[in-house]
C-alpha atoms as a PDB file:
ATOM      1  CA  UNK A   1     -29.505 -21.171  49.508  1.00  0.00           C
ATOM      2  CA  UNK A   2     -26.319 -19.110  49.012  1.00  0.00           C
ATOM      3  CA  UNK A   3     -24.065 -20.853  51.521  1.00  0.00           C
ATOM      4  CA  UNK A   4     -25.007 -24.339  50.397  1.00  0.00           C
ATOM      5  CA  UNK A   5     -24.486 -23.273  46.797  1.00  0.00           C
ATOM      6  CA  UNK A   6     -21.144 -21.781  47.796  1.00  0.00           C
ATOM      7  CA  UNK A   7     -20.115 -24.996  49.508  1.00  0.00           C
ATOM      8  CA  UNK A   8     -21.076 -26.954  46.428  1.00  0.00           C
ATOM      9  CA  UNK A   9     -19.201 -24.517  44.199  1.00  0.00           C
ATOM     10  CA  UNK A  10     -16.069 -24.753  46.350  1.00  0.00           C
ATOM     11  CA  UNK A  11     -16.300 -28.526  46.382  1.00  0.00           C
ATOM     12  CA  UNK A  12     -16.725 -28.559  42.598  1.00  0.00           C
ATOM     13  CA  UNK A  13     -13.817 -26.162  42.154  1.00  0.00           C
ATOM     14  CA  UNK A  14     -11.586 -28.411  44.240  1.00  0.00           C
ATOM     15  CA  UNK A  15     -12.620 -31.464  42.210  1.00  0.00           C
ATOM     16  CA  UNK A  16     -11.951 -29.655  38.927  1.00  0.00           C
ATOM     17  CA  UNK A  17      -8.540 -28.551  40.214  1.00  0.00           C
ATOM     18  CA  UNK A  18      -7.757 -32.116  41.274  1.00  0.00           C
ATOM     19  CA  UNK A  19      -8.690 -33.393  37.838  1.00  0.00           C
ATOM     20  CA  UNK A  20      -6.415 -30.864  36.137  1.00  0.00           C
ATOM     21  CA  UNK A  21      -3.552 -31.661  38.509  1.00  0.00           C
ATOM     22  CA  UNK A  22      -3.990 -35.389  37.973  1.00  0.00           C
ATOM     23  CA  UNK A  23      -4.000 -34.949  34.201  1.00  0.00           C
ATOM     24  CA  UNK A  24      -0.797 -32.900  34.313  1.00  0.00           C
ATOM     25  CA  UNK A  25       0.926 -35.383  36.602  1.00  0.00           C
ATOM     26  CA  UNK A  26      -0.161 -38.283  34.449  1.00  0.00           C
ATOM     27  CA  UNK A  27       1.254 -36.631  31.349  1.00  0.00           C
ATOM     28  CA  UNK A  28       4.535 -36.036  33.194  1.00  0.00           C
ATOM     29  CA  UNK A  29       4.569 -39.636  34.410  1.00  0.00           C
ATOM     30  CA  UNK A  30       4.126 -40.978  30.873  1.00  0.00           C
ATOM     31  CA  UNK A  31       6.899 -38.703  29.629  1.00  0.00           C
ATOM     32  CA  UNK A  32       9.310 -39.926  32.331  1.00  0.00           C
ATOM     33  CA  UNK A  33       8.274 -43.524  31.770  1.00  0.00           C
ATOM     34  CA  UNK A  34       8.966 -43.210  28.046  1.00  0.00           C
ATOM     35  CA  UNK A  35      12.383 -41.664  28.647  1.00  0.00           C
ATOM     36  CA  UNK A  36      13.286 -44.348  31.181  1.00  0.00           C
ATOM     37  CA  UNK A  37      12.293 -47.088  28.790  1.00  0.00           C
ATOM     38  CA  UNK A  38      14.393 -45.491  26.032  1.00  0.00           C
ATOM     39  CA  UNK A  39      17.420 -45.293  28.303  1.00  0.00           C
ATOM     40  CA  UNK A  40      17.225 -48.782  29.830  1.00  0.00           C
ATOM     41  CA  UNK A  41      19.800 -51.450  29.139  1.00  0.00           C
ATOM     42  CA  UNK A  42      18.222 -54.074  26.834  1.00  0.00           C
ATOM     43  CA  UNK A  43      20.274 -56.751  28.580  1.00  0.00           C
ATOM     44  CA  UNK A  44      19.243 -55.565  32.022  1.00  0.00           C
ATOM     45  CA  UNK A  45      15.776 -53.971  31.705  1.00  0.00           C
ATOM     46  CA  UNK A  46      14.229 -51.963  34.531  1.00  0.00           C
ATOM     47  CA  UNK A  47      11.724 -53.659  36.846  1.00  0.00           C
ATOM     48  CA  UNK A  48       8.247 -52.979  35.414  1.00  0.00           C
ATOM     49  CA  UNK A  49       6.468 -53.660  38.715  1.00  0.00           C
ATOM     50  CA  UNK A  50       6.967 -50.117  39.975  1.00  0.00           C
ATOM     51  CA  UNK A  51       5.545 -48.694  36.745  1.00  0.00           C
ATOM     52  CA  UNK A  52       2.469 -50.881  37.098  1.00  0.00           C
ATOM     53  CA  UNK A  53       1.995 -49.817  40.730  1.00  0.00           C
ATOM     54  CA  UNK A  54       2.128 -46.166  39.764  1.00  0.00           C
ATOM     55  CA  UNK A  55      -0.427 -46.716  37.020  1.00  0.00           C
ATOM     56  CA  UNK A  56      -2.715 -48.416  39.547  1.00  0.00           C
ATOM     57  CA  UNK A  57      -2.288 -45.478  41.945  1.00  0.00           C
ATOM     58  CA  UNK A  58      -3.204 -43.008  39.224  1.00  0.00           C
ATOM     59  CA  UNK A  59      -6.297 -45.063  38.426  1.00  0.00           C
ATOM     60  CA  UNK A  60      -7.339 -45.101  42.118  1.00  0.00           C
ATOM     61  CA  UNK A  61      -7.027 -41.322  42.396  1.00  0.00           C
ATOM     62  CA  UNK A  62      -9.088 -40.898  39.238  1.00  0.00           C
ATOM     63  CA  UNK A  63     -11.848 -43.076  40.700  1.00  0.00           C
ATOM     64  CA  UNK A  64     -11.867 -41.017  43.909  1.00  0.00           C
ATOM     65  CA  UNK A  65     -12.260 -37.804  41.911  1.00  0.00           C
ATOM     66  CA  UNK A  66     -15.191 -39.314  40.035  1.00  0.00           C
ATOM     67  CA  UNK A  67     -16.761 -40.303  43.382  1.00  0.00           C
ATOM     68  CA  UNK A  68     -16.426 -36.689  44.525  1.00  0.00           C
ATOM     69  CA  UNK A  69     -18.228 -35.550  41.378  1.00  0.00           C
ATOM     70  CA  UNK A  70     -21.113 -37.901  42.157  1.00  0.00           C
ATOM     71  CA  UNK A  71     -21.186 -36.571  45.726  1.00  0.00           C
ATOM     72  CA  UNK A  72     -21.435 -33.020  44.376  1.00  0.00           C
ATOM     73  CA  UNK A  73     -24.529 -34.001  42.414  1.00  0.00           C
ATOM     74  CA  UNK A  74     -26.144 -35.570  45.491  1.00  0.00           C
ATOM     75  CA  UNK A  75     -25.470 -32.432  47.571  1.00  0.00           C
ATOM     76  CA  UNK A  76     -27.108 -30.243  44.936  1.00  0.00           C
ATOM     77  CA  UNK A  77     -30.154 -32.535  44.729  1.00  0.00           C
ATOM     78  CA  UNK A  78     -30.582 -32.626  48.521  1.00  0.00           C
ATOM     79  CA  UNK A  79     -30.254 -28.835  48.777  1.00  0.00           C
ATOM     80  CA  UNK A  80     -32.907 -28.295  46.111  1.00  0.00           C
ATOM     81  CA  UNK A  81     -35.196 -30.828  47.794  1.00  0.00           C
ATOM     82  CA  UNK A  82     -34.849 -29.115  51.190  1.00  0.00           C
ATOM     83  CA  UNK A  83     -35.647 -25.740  49.648  1.00  0.00           C
ATOM     84  CA  UNK A  84     -38.752 -27.033  47.903  1.00  0.00           C
ATOM     85  CA  UNK A  85     -40.026 -28.727  51.060  1.00  0.00           C
ATOM     86  CA  UNK A  86     -39.419 -25.668  53.228  1.00  0.00           C
ATOM     87  CA  UNK A  87     -41.277 -23.292  50.895  1.00  0.00           C
ATOM     88  CA  UNK A  88     -44.323 -25.549  51.212  1.00  0.00           C
ATOM     89  CA  UNK A  89     -44.291 -24.997  54.990  1.00  0.00           C
ATOM     90  CA  UNK A  90     -45.258 -21.315  54.746  1.00  0.00           C
ATOM     91  CA  UNK A  91     -48.742 -20.668  56.117  1.00  0.00           C
ATOM     92  CA  UNK A  92     -48.926 -24.005  57.944  1.00  0.00           C
ATOM     93  CA  UNK A  93     -48.610 -24.712  61.649  1.00  0.00           C
ATOM     94  CA  UNK A  94     -45.397 -26.436  62.642  1.00  0.00           C
ATOM     95  CA  UNK A  95     -44.467 -28.077  65.926  1.00  0.00           C
ATOM     96  CA  UNK A  96     -40.746 -27.659  66.493  1.00  0.00           C
ATOM     97  CA  UNK A  97     -38.224 -28.767  69.088  1.00  0.00           C
ATOM     98  CA  UNK A  98     -37.339 -25.393  70.609  1.00  0.00           C
ATOM     99  CA  UNK A  99     -37.363 -23.801  74.072  1.00  0.00           C
ATOM    100  CA  UNK A 100     -38.303 -20.489  72.447  1.00  0.00           C
ATOM    101  CA  UNK A 101     -41.845 -19.329  71.753  1.00  0.00           C
ATOM    102  CA  UNK A 102     -43.485 -16.100  70.631  1.00  0.00           C
ATOM    103  CA  UNK A 103     -45.487 -14.113  73.167  1.00  0.00           C
ATOM    104  CA  UNK A 104     -48.298 -12.483  71.231  1.00  0.00           C
ATOM    105  CA  UNK A 105     -51.282 -10.618  72.695  1.00  0.00           C
ATOM    106  CA  UNK A 106     -50.473 -11.887  76.174  1.00  0.00           C
ATOM    107  CA  UNK A 107     -50.227 -15.561  75.269  1.00  0.00           C
ATOM    108  CA  UNK A 108     -47.392 -18.031  74.694  1.00  0.00           C
ATOM    109  CA  UNK A 109     -47.590 -21.805  74.729  1.00  0.00           C
ATOM    110  CA  UNK A 110     -45.115 -24.652  75.072  1.00  0.00           C
ATOM    111  CA  UNK A 111     -45.293 -28.403  75.452  1.00  0.00           C
ATOM    112  CA  UNK A 112     -42.729 -30.197  77.594  1.00  0.00           C
ATOM    113  CA  UNK A 113     -42.303 -33.956  77.755  1.00  0.00           C
ATOM    114  CA  UNK A 114     -41.161 -35.506  81.023  1.00  0.00           C
ATOM    115  CA  UNK A 115     -39.226 -38.737  80.428  1.00  0.00           C
ATOM    116  CA  UNK A 116     -40.224 -40.042  83.881  1.00  0.00           C
ATOM    117  CA  UNK A 117     -41.829 -38.887  87.125  1.00  0.00           C
ATOM    118  CA  UNK A 118     -39.925 -36.175  88.968  1.00  0.00           C
ATOM    119  CA  UNK A 119     -39.579 -35.200  92.602  1.00  0.00           C
ATOM    120  CA  UNK A 120     -40.505 -31.675  91.596  1.00  0.00           C
ATOM    121  CA  UNK A 121     -40.555 -29.554  88.466  1.00  0.00           C
ATOM    122  CA  UNK A 122     -39.757 -25.870  88.095  1.00  0.00           C
ATOM    123  CA  UNK A 123     -40.717 -23.983  84.929  1.00  0.00           C
ATOM    124  CA  UNK A 124     -38.827 -20.741  84.255  1.00  0.00           C
ATOM    125  CA  UNK A 125     -39.586 -18.174  81.562  1.00  0.00           C
ATOM    126  CA  UNK A 126     -36.697 -16.003  80.362  1.00  0.00           C
ATOM    127  CA  UNK A 127     -36.572 -12.970  78.123  1.00  0.00           C
ATOM    128  CA  UNK A 128     -34.236 -12.461  75.152  1.00  0.00           C
ATOM    129  CA  UNK A 129     -31.510 -11.229  77.499  1.00  0.00           C
ATOM    130  CA  UNK A 130     -31.594 -14.418  79.566  1.00  0.00           C
ATOM    131  CA  UNK A 131     -33.289 -12.751  82.540  1.00  0.00           C
ATOM    132  CA  UNK A 132     -35.860 -14.868  84.393  1.00  0.00           C
ATOM    133  CA  UNK A 133     -39.182 -13.030  84.266  1.00  0.00           C
ATOM    134  CA  UNK A 134     -41.490 -15.692  85.722  1.00  0.00           C
ATOM    135  CA  UNK A 135     -41.365 -19.075  87.468  1.00  0.00           C
ATOM    136  CA  UNK A 136     -44.029 -21.707  88.010  1.00  0.00           C
ATOM    137  CA  UNK A 137     -44.425 -25.137  89.540  1.00  0.00           C
ATOM    138  CA  UNK A 138     -44.553 -27.631  86.714  1.00  0.00           C
ATOM    139  CA  UNK A 139     -46.060 -31.073  86.298  1.00  0.00           C
ATOM    140  CA  UNK A 140     -44.189 -33.903  88.018  1.00  0.00           C
ATOM    141  CA  UNK A 141     -45.655 -36.876  86.146  1.00  0.00           C
ATOM    142  CA  UNK A 142     -44.103 -38.510  83.112  1.00  0.00           C
ATOM    143  CA  UNK A 143     -45.579 -37.640  79.744  1.00  0.00           C
ATOM    144  CA  UNK A 144     -46.533 -34.621  77.662  1.00  0.00           C
ATOM    145  CA  UNK A 145     -47.724 -31.429  79.337  1.00  0.00           C
ATOM    146  CA  UNK A 146     -48.950 -28.172  77.817  1.00  0.00           C
ATOM    147  CA  UNK A 147     -47.944 -24.907  79.483  1.00  0.00           C
ATOM    148  CA  UNK A 148     -49.737 -21.631  78.767  1.00  0.00           C
ATOM    149  CA  UNK A 149     -48.160 -18.365  79.869  1.00  0.00           C
ATOM    150  CA  UNK A 150     -50.246 -15.209  80.137  1.00  0.00           C
ATOM    151  CA  UNK A 151     -47.245 -12.969  79.572  1.00  0.00           C
ATOM    152  CA  UNK A 152     -47.042 -11.622  83.139  1.00  0.00           C
ATOM    153  CA  UNK A 153     -43.771 -11.376  85.075  1.00  0.00           C
ATOM    154  CA  UNK A 154     -43.137 -12.201  88.741  1.00  0.00           C
ATOM    155  CA  UNK A 155     -44.772  -8.917  89.791  1.00  0.00           C
ATOM    156  CA  UNK A 156     -47.843  -9.390  87.615  1.00  0.00           C
ATOM    157  CA  UNK A 157     -46.731  -6.878  84.987  1.00  0.00           C
ATOM    158  CA  UNK A 158     -47.552  -7.602  81.358  1.00  0.00           C
ATOM    159  CA  UNK A 159     -44.412  -8.290  79.326  1.00  0.00           C
ATOM    160  CA  UNK A 160     -43.879  -6.981  75.820  1.00  0.00           C
ATOM    161  CA  UNK A 161     -44.562  -9.262  72.869  1.00  0.00           C
ATOM    162  CA  UNK A 162     -41.506 -11.093  71.604  1.00  0.00           C
ATOM    163  CA  UNK A 163     -39.560 -14.330  71.878  1.00  0.00           C
ATOM    164  CA  UNK A 164     -39.253 -15.912  75.312  1.00  0.00           C
ATOM    165  CA  UNK A 165     -37.502 -19.088  76.399  1.00  0.00           C
ATOM    166  CA  UNK A 166     -38.744 -21.826  78.676  1.00  0.00           C
ATOM    167  CA  UNK A 167     -36.465 -23.826  80.963  1.00  0.00           C
ATOM    168  CA  UNK A 168     -37.669 -26.919  82.822  1.00  0.00           C
ATOM    169  CA  UNK A 169     -35.711 -28.047  85.889  1.00  0.00           C
ATOM    170  CA  UNK A 170     -36.512 -31.480  87.285  1.00  0.00           C
ATOM    171  CA  UNK A 171     -34.866 -34.422  89.046  1.00  0.00           C
ATOM    172  CA  UNK A 172     -35.977 -38.050  89.102  1.00  0.00           C
ATOM    173  CA  UNK A 173     -36.435 -40.324  92.106  1.00  0.00           C
ATOM    174  CA  UNK A 174     -32.683 -40.989  92.224  1.00  0.00           C
ATOM    175  CA  UNK A 175     -31.895 -37.286  92.300  1.00  0.00           C
ATOM    176  CA  UNK A 176     -30.556 -37.240  88.745  1.00  0.00           C
ATOM    177  CA  UNK A 177     -31.254 -34.184  86.598  1.00  0.00           C
ATOM    178  CA  UNK A 178     -33.685 -34.783  83.743  1.00  0.00           C
ATOM    179  CA  UNK A 179     -33.744 -33.088  80.352  1.00  0.00           C
ATOM    180  CA  UNK A 180     -37.384 -32.817  79.215  1.00  0.00           C
ATOM    181  CA  UNK A 181     -38.021 -32.178  75.513  1.00  0.00           C
ATOM    182  CA  UNK A 182     -39.563 -28.756  74.909  1.00  0.00           C
ATOM    183  CA  UNK A 183     -41.752 -28.066  71.895  1.00  0.00           C
ATOM    184  CA  UNK A 184     -43.670 -25.095  70.564  1.00  0.00           C
ATOM    185  CA  UNK A 185     -46.279 -24.775  67.823  1.00  0.00           C
ATOM    186  CA  UNK A 186     -46.777 -21.738  65.608  1.00  0.00           C
ATOM    187  CA  UNK A 187     -47.593 -20.725  62.054  1.00  0.00           C
ATOM    188  CA  UNK A 188     -44.684 -20.737  59.623  1.00  0.00           C
ATOM    189  CA  UNK A 189     -44.205 -17.179  58.360  1.00  0.00           C
ATOM    190  CA  UNK A 190     -41.070 -17.625  56.262  1.00  0.00           C
ATOM    191  CA  UNK A 191     -37.984 -19.654  55.383  1.00  0.00           C
ATOM    192  CA  UNK A 192     -34.346 -18.595  55.175  1.00  0.00           C
ATOM    193  CA  UNK A 193     -31.912 -20.179  52.701  1.00  0.00           C
ATOM    194  CA  UNK A 194     -28.868 -18.061  53.576  1.00  0.00           C
ATOM    195  CA  UNK A 195     -27.168 -20.582  55.893  1.00  0.00           C
ATOM    196  CA  UNK A 196     -25.782 -24.081  55.554  1.00  0.00           C
ATOM    197  CA  UNK A 197     -29.181 -25.468  56.633  1.00  0.00           C
ATOM    198  CA  UNK A 198     -32.654 -24.174  55.817  1.00  0.00           C
ATOM    199  CA  UNK A 199     -34.097 -22.115  58.676  1.00  0.00           C
ATOM    200  CA  UNK A 200     -37.843 -21.884  59.317  1.00  0.00           C
ATOM    201  CA  UNK A 201     -39.389 -18.742  60.803  1.00  0.00           C
ATOM    202  CA  UNK A 202     -42.390 -18.949  63.145  1.00  0.00           C
ATOM    203  CA  UNK A 203     -43.613 -15.469  64.112  1.00  0.00           C
ATOM    204  CA  UNK A 204     -40.083 -14.220  64.780  1.00  0.00           C
ATOM    205  CA  UNK A 205     -38.718 -17.520  66.108  1.00  0.00           C
ATOM    206  CA  UNK A 206     -36.056 -19.053  63.883  1.00  0.00           C
ATOM    207  CA  UNK A 207     -35.337 -22.793  64.003  1.00  0.00           C
ATOM    208  CA  UNK A 208     -33.497 -25.216  61.758  1.00  0.00           C
ATOM    209  CA  UNK A 209     -35.551 -27.294  59.360  1.00  0.00           C
ATOM    210  CA  UNK A 210     -34.330 -30.434  61.142  1.00  0.00           C
ATOM    211  CA  UNK A 211     -36.075 -29.215  64.337  1.00  0.00           C
ATOM    212  CA  UNK A 212     -39.549 -29.488  62.785  1.00  0.00           C
ATOM    213  CA  UNK A 213     -41.385 -32.406  64.401  1.00  0.00           C
ATOM    214  CA  UNK A 214     -44.768 -32.146  62.682  1.00  0.00           C
ATOM    215  CA  UNK A 215     -46.703 -29.989  60.240  1.00  0.00           C
ATOM    216  CA  UNK A 216     -50.413 -29.416  59.674  1.00  0.00           C
ATOM    217  CA  UNK A 217     -52.773 -27.033  57.916  1.00  0.00           C
ATOM    218  CA  UNK A 218     -53.332 -23.822  59.884  1.00  0.00           C
ATOM    219  CA  UNK A 219     -56.410 -24.118  62.082  1.00  0.00           C
ATOM    220  CA  UNK A 220     -56.590 -27.911  61.748  1.00  0.00           C
ATOM    221  CA  UNK A 221     -57.428 -29.794  64.934  1.00  0.00           C
END
């Protein structure tokens, strides 16, 4: 996962730099403190409270740097764990929260979840350019609904295979716009570690690992 590794490396570099800077400043502070103590009037010594406060401040900064080092270790562990989990997804069927789905051999499928009954539901299918290619009357009742698209546009022409996006427009009894959850299920064909979060590929559809809702063996009922 290059970017995550890079973030960790930058974070580690900053912590190392902070440690070096703190060490240099602490050495300078001790040197100044020693010189001040040498030059003080024995009959009227300098107030030691300020010296103590500065020592406490140095100690606090040191503890913060150590906390950052522990955080670096946790980031590395989490990144490795996410990578290992994602690799195990390949070949399995994943249900993900995504309005996109792959049209393959004239078939694409989504599931949309209505939070409550609607006065009317409109399902729109859009191509990769955002152009609406088909519209349908959707289910108005609350709950989960499966929608199968045969890949035909408004004129009945078969669309090319690829990624298409579903939009669901609905209003409740009070006339308020609802935001149904949209899910799609497909076989995981790859994972991408190049970004700040692991990305899962499903037949050309790319979603973040955090979007995966469920996972099962391919072909399992």
